[in-house]
Amino acid sequence: MQHAPQANPDAARMTGFGLGLRPQHYPAFLTAPPELDFVEIISENFMVRGGRPLATLDALRERYAMVMHGVSMSIGSADGVSLDYLRRLKALADRVRPAWISDHLCWTGAHGQNLHDLLPLPYTDEALDVVCANIAVAQDILERPLVIENPSSYLTFASSTMTEWAFLSRMCERTGCALLLDVNNIHVSGVNHGFDPYEFLAGVPADRVWQIHLAGHTDDGELLIDTHDEPVPDPVWRLYETACRRFGPVATMIERDDRIPPLEDLIAELDIARTIAADVACGLAA
């Protein structure tokens, strides 16, 4: 069994509201920086030697708290995690000094080939052993706990012996990692697979939830697809309200990766999250 790592000052739990840093918004961030508590960067976009992305990052990292979010760690890979990738990720983290580093509960390729997709895992004891072993290696090299995001999914495995939320809970217990709850992904997977998304929220350890993603999706008539190209819909806002009641103040952000609107539109959407969280906090305090 892996043992939870000691807490790292860089990985202190942070609260507040933020946005993902996207190239379309570089000029707005540099000329009229918005009032945000943090900014999330896609790690792989900045694992480069130079150029505009790093220049922008260096200009902004003194102004904003930052978190790093990756898409290529392949924490569920039976081949193990790439040590070269982790060392390059660590070099970026040493430069950025993020509050935390996150990636997805998935695998992204095999035999050294990255398929550039977030592929699902069966929820079995064998898969849990693989994930926990890979997290232990990553946390040792990165010298901080990882934050793992629940994926959206479009199929289930007949071999699964536990729910996704039970898998996540056992993963946190064994490794000391934290969770990035993508509330949209919970809704998408719940609709696609017929489980209750509110049962999911009730089943994960509240003290391990460090961040929340909010996003929109597309309904193709048969499945909900996690496209990140639409505003947050009402069912996801309602689920977020319940998450606020269960988890309290958690770092929350709007995630948009396609059909990206002007920055002011995303800030207006983020203000909805601020209002929901504030209303829940007032209700709990009453």
Protein backbone atom coordinates (compact mmCIF):
# COMPACT_ATOMS: atom_id res chain seq x y z
CA MET A 1 0.00 0.00 0.00
CA GLN A 2 1.28 3.47 -0.87
CA HIS A 3 1.58 5.97 1.95
CA ALA A 4 0.24 9.51 1.70
CA PRO A 5 3.04 12.07 1.16
CA GLN A 6 3.64 14.84 3.60
CA ALA A 7 1.85 18.08 2.79
CA ASN A 8 3.86 20.56 0.74
CA PRO A 9 3.51 24.34 1.20
CA ASP A 10 3.01 24.69 -2.57
CA ALA A 11 0.05 22.31 -2.35
CA ALA A 12 -1.90 24.15 0.35
CA ARG A 13 -5.63 24.03 -0.33
CA MET A 14 -6.73 27.21 -2.09
CA THR A 15 -10.20 28.66 -2.58
CA GLY A 16 -11.66 31.28 -4.90
CA PHE A 17 -12.73 31.59 -8.54
CA GLY A 18 -10.64 31.39 -11.68
CA LEU A 19 -10.45 30.73 -15.41
CA GLY A 20 -8.30 28.72 -17.75
CA LEU A 21 -5.61 30.69 -19.57
CA ARG A 22 -6.25 30.36 -23.32
CA PRO A 23 -4.23 31.95 -26.19
CA GLN A 24 -7.30 33.86 -27.42
CA HIS A 25 -7.28 35.78 -24.15
CA TYR A 26 -3.54 36.51 -23.83
CA PRO A 27 -3.93 40.15 -24.97
CA ALA A 28 -6.81 40.80 -22.56
CA PHE A 29 -4.91 39.27 -19.64
CA LEU A 30 -1.84 41.38 -20.41
CA THR A 31 -3.55 44.72 -21.08
CA ALA A 32 -6.49 44.64 -18.63
CA PRO A 33 -5.96 41.75 -16.19
CA PRO A 34 -9.31 40.53 -14.86
CA GLU A 35 -10.04 40.19 -11.15
CA LEU A 36 -9.54 36.47 -10.57
CA ASP A 37 -8.32 34.46 -7.61
CA PHE A 38 -6.32 32.06 -9.76
CA VAL A 39 -5.55 30.99 -13.32
CA GLU A 40 -5.30 27.41 -14.56
CA ILE A 41 -2.81 26.56 -17.30
CA ILE A 42 -2.71 23.47 -19.52
CA SER A 43 0.68 22.05 -18.54
CA GLU A 44 1.64 20.68 -21.95
CA ASN A 45 1.16 24.09 -23.61
CA PHE A 46 4.02 25.47 -21.52
CA MET A 47 6.42 22.50 -21.53
CA VAL A 48 8.43 24.28 -24.23
CA ARG A 49 11.78 26.05 -24.41
CA GLY A 50 10.46 29.53 -25.11
CA GLY A 51 8.09 31.58 -27.21
CA ARG A 52 4.87 33.47 -26.61
CA PRO A 53 3.26 31.00 -24.18
CA LEU A 54 6.16 31.13 -21.70
CA ALA A 55 6.57 34.89 -22.10
CA THR A 56 2.89 35.35 -21.27
CA LEU A 57 3.14 32.94 -18.37
CA ASP A 58 6.11 34.78 -16.89
CA ALA A 59 4.23 38.07 -17.17
CA LEU A 60 1.19 36.73 -15.35
CA ARG A 61 2.53 34.36 -12.71
CA GLU A 62 3.49 37.15 -10.32
CA ARG A 63 -0.04 38.56 -10.51
CA TYR A 64 -2.11 35.39 -10.17
CA ALA A 65 -2.02 32.22 -8.15
CA MET A 66 -1.76 29.37 -10.64
CA VAL A 67 -2.64 25.71 -10.94
CA MET A 68 -1.29 23.34 -13.57
CA HIS A 69 -3.66 20.97 -15.37
CA GLY A 70 -2.33 18.20 -17.59
CA VAL A 71 -3.77 15.88 -20.22
CA SER A 72 -0.87 13.48 -20.89
CA MET A 73 0.26 11.91 -17.62
CA SER A 74 -1.66 8.69 -18.38
CA ILE A 75 -2.01 7.85 -14.70
CA GLY A 76 -4.01 4.72 -15.55
CA SER A 77 -1.43 3.24 -17.92
CA ALA A 78 -0.33 -0.34 -17.26
CA ASP A 79 2.99 0.68 -18.87
CA GLY A 80 3.59 3.11 -16.01
CA VAL A 81 4.01 6.86 -16.21
CA SER A 82 6.74 8.39 -18.34
CA LEU A 83 9.64 9.50 -16.16
CA ASP A 84 10.81 11.93 -18.85
CA TYR A 85 7.36 13.54 -18.92
CA LEU A 86 7.30 13.83 -15.14
CA ARG A 87 10.75 15.43 -15.01
CA ARG A 88 9.75 18.02 -17.62
CA LEU A 89 6.53 18.64 -15.71
CA LYS A 90 8.56 19.11 -12.52
CA ALA A 91 10.78 21.67 -14.27
CA LEU A 92 7.70 23.65 -15.28
CA ALA A 93 6.29 23.40 -11.76
CA ASP A 94 9.57 24.73 -10.33
CA ARG A 95 9.16 27.74 -12.63
CA VAL A 96 5.44 28.32 -12.01
CA ARG A 97 5.23 27.24 -8.33
CA PRO A 98 1.58 26.24 -8.73
CA ALA A 99 -0.80 25.67 -5.87
CA TRP A 100 -1.14 22.13 -7.25
CA ILE A 101 -0.75 19.93 -10.32
CA SER A 102 -3.71 18.00 -11.70
CA ASP A 103 -4.41 15.42 -14.39
CA HIS A 104 -7.14 12.93 -15.28
CA LEU A 105 -8.09 9.46 -14.11
CA CYS A 106 -7.47 7.85 -17.50
CA TRP A 107 -4.87 6.42 -19.81
CA THR A 108 -3.78 8.26 -22.96
CA GLY A 109 -1.75 5.74 -24.94
CA ALA A 110 0.47 2.67 -24.90
CA HIS A 111 4.02 1.63 -25.84
CA GLY A 112 5.17 5.24 -25.84
CA GLN A 113 2.46 6.43 -28.24
CA ASN A 114 0.15 9.25 -27.07
CA LEU A 115 -3.33 8.90 -28.59
CA HIS A 116 -4.29 12.41 -27.39
CA ASP A 117 -7.51 11.20 -25.83
CA LEU A 118 -8.62 10.59 -22.25
CA LEU A 119 -9.45 6.88 -22.30
CA PRO A 120 -11.52 5.22 -19.56
CA LEU A 121 -10.53 2.60 -17.01
CA PRO A 122 -12.41 -0.34 -15.53
CA TYR A 123 -13.12 0.23 -11.85
CA THR A 124 -11.45 -2.88 -10.48
CA ASP A 125 -8.93 -3.70 -7.77
CA GLU A 126 -6.32 -4.45 -10.45
CA ALA A 127 -6.81 -1.05 -12.11
CA LEU A 128 -6.74 0.62 -8.69
CA ASP A 129 -3.35 -0.99 -7.96
CA VAL A 130 -1.98 0.35 -11.27
CA VAL A 131 -3.33 3.87 -10.67
CA CYS A 132 -2.03 4.02 -7.10
CA ALA A 133 1.42 2.78 -8.10
CA ASN A 134 1.61 5.41 -10.86
CA ILE A 135 0.43 8.18 -8.52
CA ALA A 136 3.12 7.17 -6.02
CA VAL A 137 5.82 7.52 -8.70
CA ALA A 138 4.45 10.86 -9.90
CA GLN A 139 4.15 12.30 -6.40
CA ASP A 140 7.68 11.20 -5.57
CA ILE A 141 9.15 12.97 -8.62
CA LEU A 142 6.89 16.05 -8.41
CA GLU A 143 7.38 16.27 -4.63
CA ARG A 144 3.74 17.14 -3.99
CA PRO A 145 0.35 15.41 -3.90
CA LEU A 146 -1.40 15.10 -7.24
CA VAL A 147 -4.94 16.33 -7.85
CA ILE A 148 -6.88 13.83 -9.99
CA GLU A 149 -9.91 14.73 -12.11
CA ASN A 150 -12.88 12.46 -12.73
CA PRO A 151 -13.30 11.95 -16.50
CA SER A 152 -16.40 11.98 -18.65
CA SER A 153 -17.13 8.57 -20.16
CA TYR A 154 -19.23 7.01 -22.87
CA LEU A 155 -18.95 3.30 -22.07
CA THR A 156 -18.72 1.08 -19.02
CA PHE A 157 -16.70 -2.09 -18.42
CA ALA A 158 -18.42 -5.35 -17.57
CA SER A 159 -15.41 -6.14 -15.38
CA SER A 160 -15.94 -3.13 -13.06
CA THR A 161 -16.52 -4.18 -9.45
CA MET A 162 -17.10 -0.77 -7.87
CA THR A 163 -18.55 2.63 -8.68
CA GLU A 164 -16.41 5.45 -9.97
CA TRP A 165 -16.82 7.38 -6.72
CA ALA A 166 -15.80 4.35 -4.66
CA PHE A 167 -12.70 3.99 -6.87
CA LEU A 168 -11.82 7.66 -6.37
CA SER A 169 -12.31 7.40 -2.61
CA ARG A 170 -10.03 4.37 -2.29
CA MET A 171 -7.46 6.04 -4.56
CA CYS A 172 -7.34 9.10 -2.27
CA GLU A 173 -7.09 6.95 0.85
CA ARG A 174 -4.20 4.90 -0.50
CA THR A 175 -2.12 7.68 -2.07
CA GLY A 176 -2.96 10.92 -0.26
CA CYS A 177 -3.87 12.56 -3.56
CA ALA A 178 -6.67 15.10 -3.86
CA LEU A 179 -9.59 15.45 -6.28
CA LEU A 180 -10.53 17.87 -9.02
CA LEU A 181 -14.27 17.33 -9.38
CA ASP A 182 -15.51 18.15 -12.85
CA VAL A 183 -19.19 18.70 -12.11
CA ASN A 184 -20.05 18.68 -15.81
CA ASN A 185 -18.34 15.30 -16.21
CA ILE A 186 -20.39 13.90 -13.32
CA HIS A 187 -23.58 15.05 -15.05
CA VAL A 188 -22.46 13.79 -18.48
CA SER A 189 -21.45 10.35 -17.20
CA GLY A 190 -24.52 10.11 -14.99
CA VAL A 191 -26.83 10.67 -17.94
CA ASN A 192 -24.82 8.39 -20.24
CA HIS A 193 -24.65 5.50 -17.76
CA GLY A 194 -27.81 5.99 -15.71
CA PHE A 195 -26.34 6.69 -12.28
CA ASP A 196 -27.42 9.41 -9.86
CA PRO A 197 -24.90 12.29 -9.99
CA TYR A 198 -25.94 13.36 -6.50
CA GLU A 199 -24.94 9.92 -5.19
CA PHE A 200 -21.54 10.52 -6.80
CA LEU A 201 -21.15 13.80 -4.89
CA ALA A 202 -22.16 12.10 -1.64
CA GLY A 203 -19.69 9.27 -2.20
CA VAL A 204 -16.38 11.10 -2.53
CA PRO A 205 -14.34 12.29 0.48
CA ALA A 206 -15.21 15.95 1.07
CA ASP A 207 -11.82 16.84 2.54
CA ARG A 208 -9.99 15.68 -0.60
CA VAL A 209 -11.90 17.91 -3.06
CA TRP A 210 -9.52 20.78 -3.85
CA GLN A 211 -10.92 22.10 -7.12
CA ILE A 212 -14.11 22.13 -9.21
CA HIS A 213 -14.45 22.47 -12.98
CA LEU A 214 -17.63 23.80 -14.57
CA ALA A 215 -18.30 23.46 -18.29
CA GLY A 216 -20.91 22.80 -20.94
CA HIS A 217 -21.48 19.82 -23.20
CA THR A 218 -23.24 18.69 -26.37
CA ASP A 219 -26.22 16.32 -26.69
CA ASP A 220 -25.83 14.26 -29.87
CA GLY A 221 -29.18 12.56 -29.39
CA GLU A 222 -27.73 9.35 -27.94
CA LEU A 223 -25.02 10.53 -25.56
CA LEU A 224 -23.92 13.69 -23.84
CA ILE A 225 -20.45 14.62 -25.12
CA ASP A 226 -18.04 16.61 -22.96
CA THR A 227 -17.15 19.20 -25.60
CA HIS A 228 -16.37 22.22 -23.39
CA ASP A 229 -17.81 24.45 -26.11
CA GLU A 230 -21.06 25.58 -24.51
CA PRO A 231 -22.05 27.64 -21.45
CA VAL A 232 -22.72 25.76 -18.22
CA PRO A 233 -26.29 24.39 -18.44
CA ASP A 234 -28.91 24.44 -15.68
CA PRO A 235 -28.50 20.78 -14.55
CA VAL A 236 -24.79 21.39 -13.99
CA TRP A 237 -25.48 24.60 -12.06
CA ARG A 238 -27.90 22.69 -9.81
CA LEU A 239 -25.30 19.99 -9.23
CA TYR A 240 -22.74 22.68 -8.43
CA GLU A 241 -25.08 24.14 -5.82
CA THR A 242 -25.22 20.76 -4.09
CA ALA A 243 -21.43 20.47 -4.35
CA CYS A 244 -21.09 23.83 -2.59
CA ARG A 245 -23.26 22.55 0.26
CA ARG A 246 -21.24 19.36 0.62
CA PHE A 247 -17.70 20.62 0.08
CA GLY A 248 -17.82 24.24 1.22
CA PRO A 249 -15.46 26.81 -0.35
CA VAL A 250 -13.48 25.09 -3.12
CA ALA A 251 -11.40 26.61 -5.93
CA THR A 252 -13.85 26.81 -8.84
CA MET A 253 -13.36 27.66 -12.49
CA ILE A 254 -15.14 27.75 -15.83
CA GLU A 255 -13.46 25.51 -18.41
CA ARG A 256 -13.92 26.37 -22.09
CA ASP A 257 -11.79 24.76 -24.80
CA ASP A 258 -13.69 25.36 -28.04
CA ARG A 259 -15.93 28.11 -29.42
CA ILE A 260 -14.21 30.29 -26.84
CA PRO A 261 -16.13 33.53 -26.21
CA PRO A 262 -14.71 36.94 -25.24
CA LEU A 263 -13.13 37.01 -21.81
CA GLU A 264 -15.89 39.22 -20.39
CA ASP A 265 -18.48 36.54 -21.26
CA LEU A 266 -16.58 33.93 -19.28
CA ILE A 267 -16.21 36.30 -16.34
CA ALA A 268 -19.99 36.89 -16.39
CA GLU A 269 -20.49 33.12 -16.33
CA LEU A 270 -18.01 32.79 -13.48
CA ASP A 271 -20.04 35.40 -11.58
CA ILE A 272 -22.96 32.95 -11.61
CA ALA A 273 -20.74 30.46 -9.78
CA ARG A 274 -19.72 33.16 -7.30
CA THR A 275 -23.39 33.97 -6.63
CA ILE A 276 -24.38 30.33 -6.14
CA ALA A 277 -21.49 29.71 -3.75
CA ALA A 278 -22.24 32.89 -1.79
CA ASP A 279 -25.95 32.05 -1.53
CA VAL A 280 -25.14 28.56 -0.25
CA ALA A 281 -22.67 29.96 2.29
CA CYS A 282 -25.28 32.46 3.53
CA GLY A 283 -27.87 29.70 3.82
CA LEU A 284 -25.52 27.48 5.80
CA ALA A 285 -24.63 30.38 8.12
CA ALA A 286 -28.25 31.33 8.80
